[in-house]
Amino acid sequence: MFRKFACLLSFLAVVLVSGCTTTTEGEPQVTRQEQVSELARGIRALGPNVDPEEAERAARIAYEYTGQLAVEYQITDSAIVHNMKVNQGLRPRGLCWHWAEDMETRLKQENFETLELHRAIANASNPFRLEHSTAIVSRRGDTMNEGVVLDPWRYGGELHWAPTLEDTRYNWRPRLEVLEEKRLRRMKRGLERLQG
């Protein structure tokens, strides 16, 4: 009984502090082609040497693949509720890192010459927020902070995108940097246990 109560309290705390889920109710509806065109413009704006065809292709794939993954992941709920279903074994995939990994993998298949892909993590050291992962597209040679966040998880299978530094909901950091910090913390805790 206590365990169920603790799980319920944990869930409520996550929902209250996650900041990851909001709805888009009340926002004007635009067609998918308008969304793709807007994202393509955002990618082209990364710099004059971004190939317009690559920007259009990346935008189209980002939207199409988000829809495909939403079907494959069996998305029927908000991101937080879907996470619970994945963690309980009721859904195959759909955690934020699944979306990020699959989006990055799919876009890398295009072998873009003027675009580059990055992975980022936010909230890794914040115990009051859910850790969140995403894929980022930038102009080749630029950092992830000069790119555009591609986040299909945030709105439960609806692609959200924004220039990285304008995505103020999250403080994005390079994925490999965050993973290395976690590895070092685990090693330190292991050494402390051995010495303790």
C-alpha atoms as a PDB file:
ATOM      1  CA  MET A   1       0.000   0.000   0.000  1.00  0.00           C
ATOM      2  CA  PHE A   2       2.757   2.427   0.954  1.00  0.00           C
ATOM      3  CA  ARG A   3       4.568   1.642  -2.297  1.00  0.00           C
ATOM      4  CA  LYS A   4       1.492   2.506  -4.388  1.00  0.00           C
ATOM      5  CA  PHE A   5       1.018   5.728  -2.425  1.00  0.00           C
ATOM      6  CA  ALA A   6       4.687   6.630  -2.905  1.00  0.00           C
ATOM      7  CA  CYS A   7       4.395   5.973  -6.658  1.00  0.00           C
ATOM      8  CA  LEU A   8       1.313   8.186  -6.848  1.00  0.00           C
ATOM      9  CA  LEU A   9       3.080  10.983  -4.984  1.00  0.00           C
ATOM     10  CA  SER A  10       6.110  10.630  -7.260  1.00  0.00           C
ATOM     11  CA  PHE A  11       3.915  10.834 -10.333  1.00  0.00           C
ATOM     12  CA  LEU A  12       2.149  13.950  -9.072  1.00  0.00           C
ATOM     13  CA  ALA A  13       5.465  15.590  -8.219  1.00  0.00           C
ATOM     14  CA  VAL A  14       6.800  14.824 -11.689  1.00  0.00           C
ATOM     15  CA  VAL A  15       3.742  16.293 -13.350  1.00  0.00           C
ATOM     16  CA  LEU A  16       3.914  19.428 -11.238  1.00  0.00           C
ATOM     17  CA  VAL A  17       7.604  20.176 -11.700  1.00  0.00           C
ATOM     18  CA  SER A  18       8.478  18.655 -15.039  1.00  0.00           C
ATOM     19  CA  GLY A  19       7.490  21.586 -17.178  1.00  0.00           C
ATOM     20  CA  CYS A  20       7.705  19.188 -20.122  1.00  0.00           C
ATOM     21  CA  THR A  21       4.074  18.953 -21.081  1.00  0.00           C
ATOM     22  CA  THR A  22       1.784  21.680 -22.204  1.00  0.00           C
ATOM     23  CA  THR A  23      -0.952  21.711 -24.733  1.00  0.00           C
ATOM     24  CA  THR A  24      -1.239  23.719 -27.890  1.00  0.00           C
ATOM     25  CA  GLU A  25      -4.948  24.415 -27.404  1.00  0.00           C
ATOM     26  CA  GLY A  26      -5.963  27.860 -28.514  1.00  0.00           C
ATOM     27  CA  GLU A  27      -3.063  28.187 -30.909  1.00  0.00           C
ATOM     28  CA  PRO A  28      -3.994  28.752 -34.549  1.00  0.00           C
ATOM     29  CA  GLN A  29      -3.984  25.588 -36.597  1.00  0.00           C
ATOM     30  CA  VAL A  30      -1.644  25.524 -39.568  1.00  0.00           C
ATOM     31  CA  THR A  31      -1.287  22.902 -42.235  1.00  0.00           C
ATOM     32  CA  ARG A  32       1.515  20.381 -42.142  1.00  0.00           C
ATOM     33  CA  GLN A  33       3.053  21.929 -45.272  1.00  0.00           C
ATOM     34  CA  GLU A  34       3.050  25.334 -43.574  1.00  0.00           C
ATOM     35  CA  GLN A  35       4.796  23.784 -40.575  1.00  0.00           C
ATOM     36  CA  VAL A  36       7.391  22.117 -42.804  1.00  0.00           C
ATOM     37  CA  SER A  37       7.968  25.371 -44.711  1.00  0.00           C
ATOM     38  CA  GLU A  38       8.393  27.324 -41.479  1.00  0.00           C
ATOM     39  CA  LEU A  39      10.927  24.822 -40.121  1.00  0.00           C
ATOM     40  CA  ALA A  40      12.765  24.802 -43.457  1.00  0.00           C
ATOM     41  CA  ARG A  41      13.016  28.607 -43.228  1.00  0.00           C
ATOM     42  CA  GLY A  42      14.352  28.256 -39.689  1.00  0.00           C
ATOM     43  CA  ILE A  43      17.005  25.790 -40.843  1.00  0.00           C
ATOM     44  CA  ARG A  44      17.959  27.944 -43.863  1.00  0.00           C
ATOM     45  CA  ALA A  45      18.348  30.895 -41.470  1.00  0.00           C
ATOM     46  CA  LEU A  46      21.217  29.062 -39.772  1.00  0.00           C
ATOM     47  CA  GLY A  47      23.522  30.512 -42.398  1.00  0.00           C
ATOM     48  CA  PRO A  48      23.978  31.407 -46.055  1.00  0.00           C
ATOM     49  CA  ASN A  49      25.798  28.180 -46.878  1.00  0.00           C
ATOM     50  CA  VAL A  50      22.886  25.937 -45.801  1.00  0.00           C
ATOM     51  CA  ASP A  51      21.595  24.189 -48.922  1.00  0.00           C
ATOM     52  CA  PRO A  52      17.885  25.146 -49.283  1.00  0.00           C
ATOM     53  CA  GLU A  53      17.060  21.671 -50.609  1.00  0.00           C
ATOM     54  CA  GLU A  54      18.707  20.064 -47.561  1.00  0.00           C
ATOM     55  CA  ALA A  55      16.831  22.427 -45.235  1.00  0.00           C
ATOM     56  CA  GLU A  56      13.521  21.521 -46.919  1.00  0.00           C
ATOM     57  CA  ARG A  57      14.323  17.805 -46.822  1.00  0.00           C
ATOM     58  CA  ALA A  58      15.364  17.911 -43.152  1.00  0.00           C
ATOM     59  CA  ALA A  59      12.185  19.778 -42.223  1.00  0.00           C
ATOM     60  CA  ARG A  60       9.934  17.423 -44.197  1.00  0.00           C
ATOM     61  CA  ILE A  61      11.592  14.331 -42.695  1.00  0.00           C
ATOM     62  CA  ALA A  62      11.436  15.775 -39.162  1.00  0.00           C
ATOM     63  CA  TYR A  63       7.665  16.205 -39.436  1.00  0.00           C
ATOM     64  CA  GLU A  64       6.964  12.982 -41.348  1.00  0.00           C
ATOM     65  CA  TYR A  65       9.163  10.888 -39.081  1.00  0.00           C
ATOM     66  CA  THR A  66       7.594  12.377 -35.962  1.00  0.00           C
ATOM     67  CA  GLY A  67       4.221  11.181 -37.254  1.00  0.00           C
ATOM     68  CA  GLN A  68       5.603   7.751 -38.109  1.00  0.00           C
ATOM     69  CA  LEU A  69       7.191   7.362 -34.664  1.00  0.00           C
ATOM     70  CA  ALA A  70       3.995   8.495 -32.939  1.00  0.00           C
ATOM     71  CA  VAL A  71       2.212   5.570 -34.605  1.00  0.00           C
ATOM     72  CA  GLU A  72       5.052   3.114 -33.869  1.00  0.00           C
ATOM     73  CA  TYR A  73       5.287   4.249 -30.243  1.00  0.00           C
ATOM     74  CA  GLN A  74       1.473   4.046 -29.925  1.00  0.00           C
ATOM     75  CA  ILE A  75       1.187   7.615 -28.616  1.00  0.00           C
ATOM     76  CA  THR A  76      -2.282   8.296 -27.234  1.00  0.00           C
ATOM     77  CA  ASP A  77      -1.469  10.424 -24.188  1.00  0.00           C
ATOM     78  CA  SER A  78       0.667  13.312 -23.003  1.00  0.00           C
ATOM     79  CA  ALA A  79       4.411  12.779 -22.844  1.00  0.00           C
ATOM     80  CA  ILE A  80       4.442  12.188 -19.075  1.00  0.00           C
ATOM     81  CA  VAL A  81       1.614   9.633 -19.167  1.00  0.00           C
ATOM     82  CA  HIS A  82       3.232   7.877 -22.117  1.00  0.00           C
ATOM     83  CA  ASN A  83       6.530   7.735 -20.195  1.00  0.00           C
ATOM     84  CA  MET A  84       4.724   5.939 -17.378  1.00  0.00           C
ATOM     85  CA  LYS A  85       3.281   3.442 -19.860  1.00  0.00           C
ATOM     86  CA  VAL A  86       6.725   2.777 -21.346  1.00  0.00           C
ATOM     87  CA  ASN A  87       8.241   2.339 -17.890  1.00  0.00           C
ATOM     88  CA  GLN A  88       5.453  -0.112 -16.984  1.00  0.00           C
ATOM     89  CA  GLY A  89       6.016  -2.097 -20.175  1.00  0.00           C
ATOM     90  CA  LEU A  90       2.676  -1.074 -21.694  1.00  0.00           C
ATOM     91  CA  ARG A  91       4.260   0.731 -24.668  1.00  0.00           C
ATOM     92  CA  PRO A  92       7.368  -0.244 -26.644  1.00  0.00           C
ATOM     93  CA  ARG A  93       9.157   3.110 -26.841  1.00  0.00           C
ATOM     94  CA  GLY A  94       8.521   6.814 -26.560  1.00  0.00           C
ATOM     95  CA  LEU A  95      10.749   8.195 -23.808  1.00  0.00           C
ATOM     96  CA  CYS A  96      12.395  11.455 -24.830  1.00  0.00           C
ATOM     97  CA  TRP A  97      15.737   9.776 -25.515  1.00  0.00           C
ATOM     98  CA  HIS A  98      13.999   7.285 -27.838  1.00  0.00           C
ATOM     99  CA  TRP A  99      12.595  10.180 -29.870  1.00  0.00           C
ATOM    100  CA  ALA A 100      15.991  11.932 -29.926  1.00  0.00           C
ATOM    101  CA  GLU A 101      17.907   8.801 -30.861  1.00  0.00           C
ATOM    102  CA  ASP A 102      15.477   7.770 -33.587  1.00  0.00           C
ATOM    103  CA  MET A 103      15.241  11.296 -35.042  1.00  0.00           C
ATOM    104  CA  GLU A 104      19.025  11.656 -35.126  1.00  0.00           C
ATOM    105  CA  THR A 105      19.456   8.219 -36.704  1.00  0.00           C
ATOM    106  CA  ARG A 106      16.862   8.927 -39.397  1.00  0.00           C
ATOM    107  CA  LEU A 107      18.244  12.347 -40.306  1.00  0.00           C
ATOM    108  CA  LYS A 108      21.816  11.033 -40.424  1.00  0.00           C
ATOM    109  CA  GLN A 109      20.722   8.631 -43.161  1.00  0.00           C
ATOM    110  CA  GLU A 110      20.394  11.663 -45.443  1.00  0.00           C
ATOM    111  CA  ASN A 111      24.160  12.336 -45.391  1.00  0.00           C
ATOM    112  CA  PHE A 112      23.623  16.080 -45.389  1.00  0.00           C
ATOM    113  CA  GLU A 113      26.583  18.094 -46.657  1.00  0.00           C
ATOM    114  CA  THR A 114      25.613  21.474 -45.193  1.00  0.00           C
ATOM    115  CA  LEU A 115      23.837  20.323 -42.024  1.00  0.00           C
ATOM    116  CA  GLU A 116      25.079  18.556 -38.901  1.00  0.00           C
ATOM    117  CA  LEU A 117      23.216  16.693 -36.157  1.00  0.00           C
ATOM    118  CA  HIS A 118      23.778  16.888 -32.418  1.00  0.00           C
ATOM    119  CA  ARG A 119      22.264  15.343 -29.317  1.00  0.00           C
ATOM    120  CA  ALA A 120      21.581  17.325 -26.159  1.00  0.00           C
ATOM    121  CA  ILE A 121      20.336  16.724 -22.628  1.00  0.00           C
ATOM    122  CA  ALA A 122      18.728  19.145 -20.186  1.00  0.00           C
ATOM    123  CA  ASN A 123      18.023  18.890 -16.451  1.00  0.00           C
ATOM    124  CA  ALA A 124      20.548  16.098 -15.887  1.00  0.00           C
ATOM    125  CA  SER A 125      21.611  17.476 -12.523  1.00  0.00           C
ATOM    126  CA  ASN A 126      18.286  18.977 -11.449  1.00  0.00           C
ATOM    127  CA  PRO A 127      16.488  16.601  -9.061  1.00  0.00           C
ATOM    128  CA  PHE A 128      13.247  18.576  -9.399  1.00  0.00           C
ATOM    129  CA  ARG A 129      12.917  18.305 -13.180  1.00  0.00           C
ATOM    130  CA  LEU A 130      12.789  15.371 -15.565  1.00  0.00           C
ATOM    131  CA  GLU A 131      15.943  14.851 -17.544  1.00  0.00           C
ATOM    132  CA  HIS A 132      15.140  15.541 -21.179  1.00  0.00           C
ATOM    133  CA  SER A 133      16.912  14.612 -24.427  1.00  0.00           C
ATOM    134  CA  THR A 134      16.593  16.022 -27.921  1.00  0.00           C
ATOM    135  CA  ALA A 135      18.143  16.110 -31.370  1.00  0.00           C
ATOM    136  CA  ILE A 136      19.478  19.367 -32.789  1.00  0.00           C
ATOM    137  CA  VAL A 137      20.268  20.297 -36.392  1.00  0.00           C
ATOM    138  CA  SER A 138      22.860  22.958 -37.135  1.00  0.00           C
ATOM    139  CA  ARG A 139      24.822  24.299 -40.056  1.00  0.00           C
ATOM    140  CA  ARG A 140      27.836  22.049 -40.675  1.00  0.00           C
ATOM    141  CA  GLY A 141      30.691  23.106 -38.395  1.00  0.00           C
ATOM    142  CA  ASP A 142      28.481  25.022 -35.962  1.00  0.00           C
ATOM    143  CA  THR A 143      27.822  24.040 -32.363  1.00  0.00           C
ATOM    144  CA  MET A 144      24.483  22.761 -31.129  1.00  0.00           C
ATOM    145  CA  ASN A 145      23.853  26.179 -29.555  1.00  0.00           C
ATOM    146  CA  GLU A 146      23.805  27.665 -33.048  1.00  0.00           C
ATOM    147  CA  GLY A 147      21.263  25.093 -34.225  1.00  0.00           C
ATOM    148  CA  VAL A 148      17.575  24.258 -34.062  1.00  0.00           C
ATOM    149  CA  VAL A 149      16.055  21.906 -31.474  1.00  0.00           C
ATOM    150  CA  LEU A 150      13.854  19.144 -32.948  1.00  0.00           C
ATOM    151  CA  ASP A 151      11.719  17.873 -30.049  1.00  0.00           C
ATOM    152  CA  PRO A 152       8.806  15.526 -30.866  1.00  0.00           C
ATOM    153  CA  TRP A 153       8.476  14.292 -27.253  1.00  0.00           C
ATOM    154  CA  ARG A 154       7.489  17.545 -25.558  1.00  0.00           C
ATOM    155  CA  TYR A 155       3.955  17.629 -26.968  1.00  0.00           C
ATOM    156  CA  GLY A 156       3.376  13.891 -27.167  1.00  0.00           C
ATOM    157  CA  GLY A 157       4.201  13.262 -30.812  1.00  0.00           C
ATOM    158  CA  GLU A 158       3.808  16.785 -32.196  1.00  0.00           C
ATOM    159  CA  LEU A 159       7.112  18.241 -33.346  1.00  0.00           C
ATOM    160  CA  HIS A 160       8.293  21.292 -31.435  1.00  0.00           C
ATOM    161  CA  TRP A 161      11.238  23.203 -32.839  1.00  0.00           C
ATOM    162  CA  ALA A 162      13.071  26.357 -31.890  1.00  0.00           C
ATOM    163  CA  PRO A 163      16.543  27.840 -32.171  1.00  0.00           C
ATOM    164  CA  THR A 164      18.514  26.215 -29.357  1.00  0.00           C
ATOM    165  CA  LEU A 165      19.220  29.405 -27.420  1.00  0.00           C
ATOM    166  CA  GLU A 166      15.589  30.542 -27.760  1.00  0.00           C
ATOM    167  CA  ASP A 167      14.293  27.278 -26.277  1.00  0.00           C
ATOM    168  CA  THR A 168      14.351  28.791 -22.805  1.00  0.00           C
ATOM    169  CA  ARG A 169      12.344  25.985 -21.234  1.00  0.00           C
ATOM    170  CA  TYR A 170      15.539  23.914 -21.238  1.00  0.00           C
ATOM    171  CA  ASN A 171      19.221  24.563 -20.699  1.00  0.00           C
ATOM    172  CA  TRP A 172      20.545  22.195 -23.357  1.00  0.00           C
ATOM    173  CA  ARG A 173      23.998  20.702 -22.928  1.00  0.00           C
ATOM    174  CA  PRO A 174      25.945  18.355 -25.230  1.00  0.00           C
ATOM    175  CA  ARG A 175      24.891  14.755 -24.594  1.00  0.00           C
ATOM    176  CA  LEU A 176      28.430  13.340 -24.426  1.00  0.00           C
ATOM    177  CA  GLU A 177      29.448  15.980 -21.877  1.00  0.00           C
ATOM    178  CA  VAL A 178      26.470  15.101 -19.641  1.00  0.00           C
ATOM    179  CA  LEU A 179      27.098  11.347 -19.974  1.00  0.00           C
ATOM    180  CA  GLU A 180      30.758  11.808 -19.028  1.00  0.00           C
ATOM    181  CA  GLU A 181      29.768  13.774 -15.923  1.00  0.00           C
ATOM    182  CA  LYS A 182      27.376  10.982 -14.932  1.00  0.00           C
ATOM    183  CA  ARG A 183      30.080   8.364 -15.461  1.00  0.00           C
ATOM    184  CA  LEU A 184      32.509  10.297 -13.263  1.00  0.00           C
ATOM    185  CA  ARG A 185      29.869  10.681 -10.514  1.00  0.00           C
ATOM    186  CA  ARG A 186      29.183   6.925 -10.585  1.00  0.00           C
ATOM    187  CA  MET A 187      32.902   6.198 -10.350  1.00  0.00           C
ATOM    188  CA  LYS A 188      33.265   8.602  -7.426  1.00  0.00           C
ATOM    189  CA  ARG A 189      30.331   7.003  -5.570  1.00  0.00           C
ATOM    190  CA  GLY A 190      31.806   3.553  -6.223  1.00  0.00           C
ATOM    191  CA  LEU A 191      35.177   4.610  -4.835  1.00  0.00           C
ATOM    192  CA  GLU A 192      33.522   6.171  -1.790  1.00  0.00           C
ATOM    193  CA  ARG A 193      31.647   2.912  -1.109  1.00  0.00           C
ATOM    194  CA  LEU A 194      34.864   0.925  -1.366  1.00  0.00           C
ATOM    195  CA  GLN A 195      36.667   3.291   0.970  1.00  0.00           C
ATOM    196  CA  GLY A 196      33.722   3.736   3.332  1.00  0.00           C
END
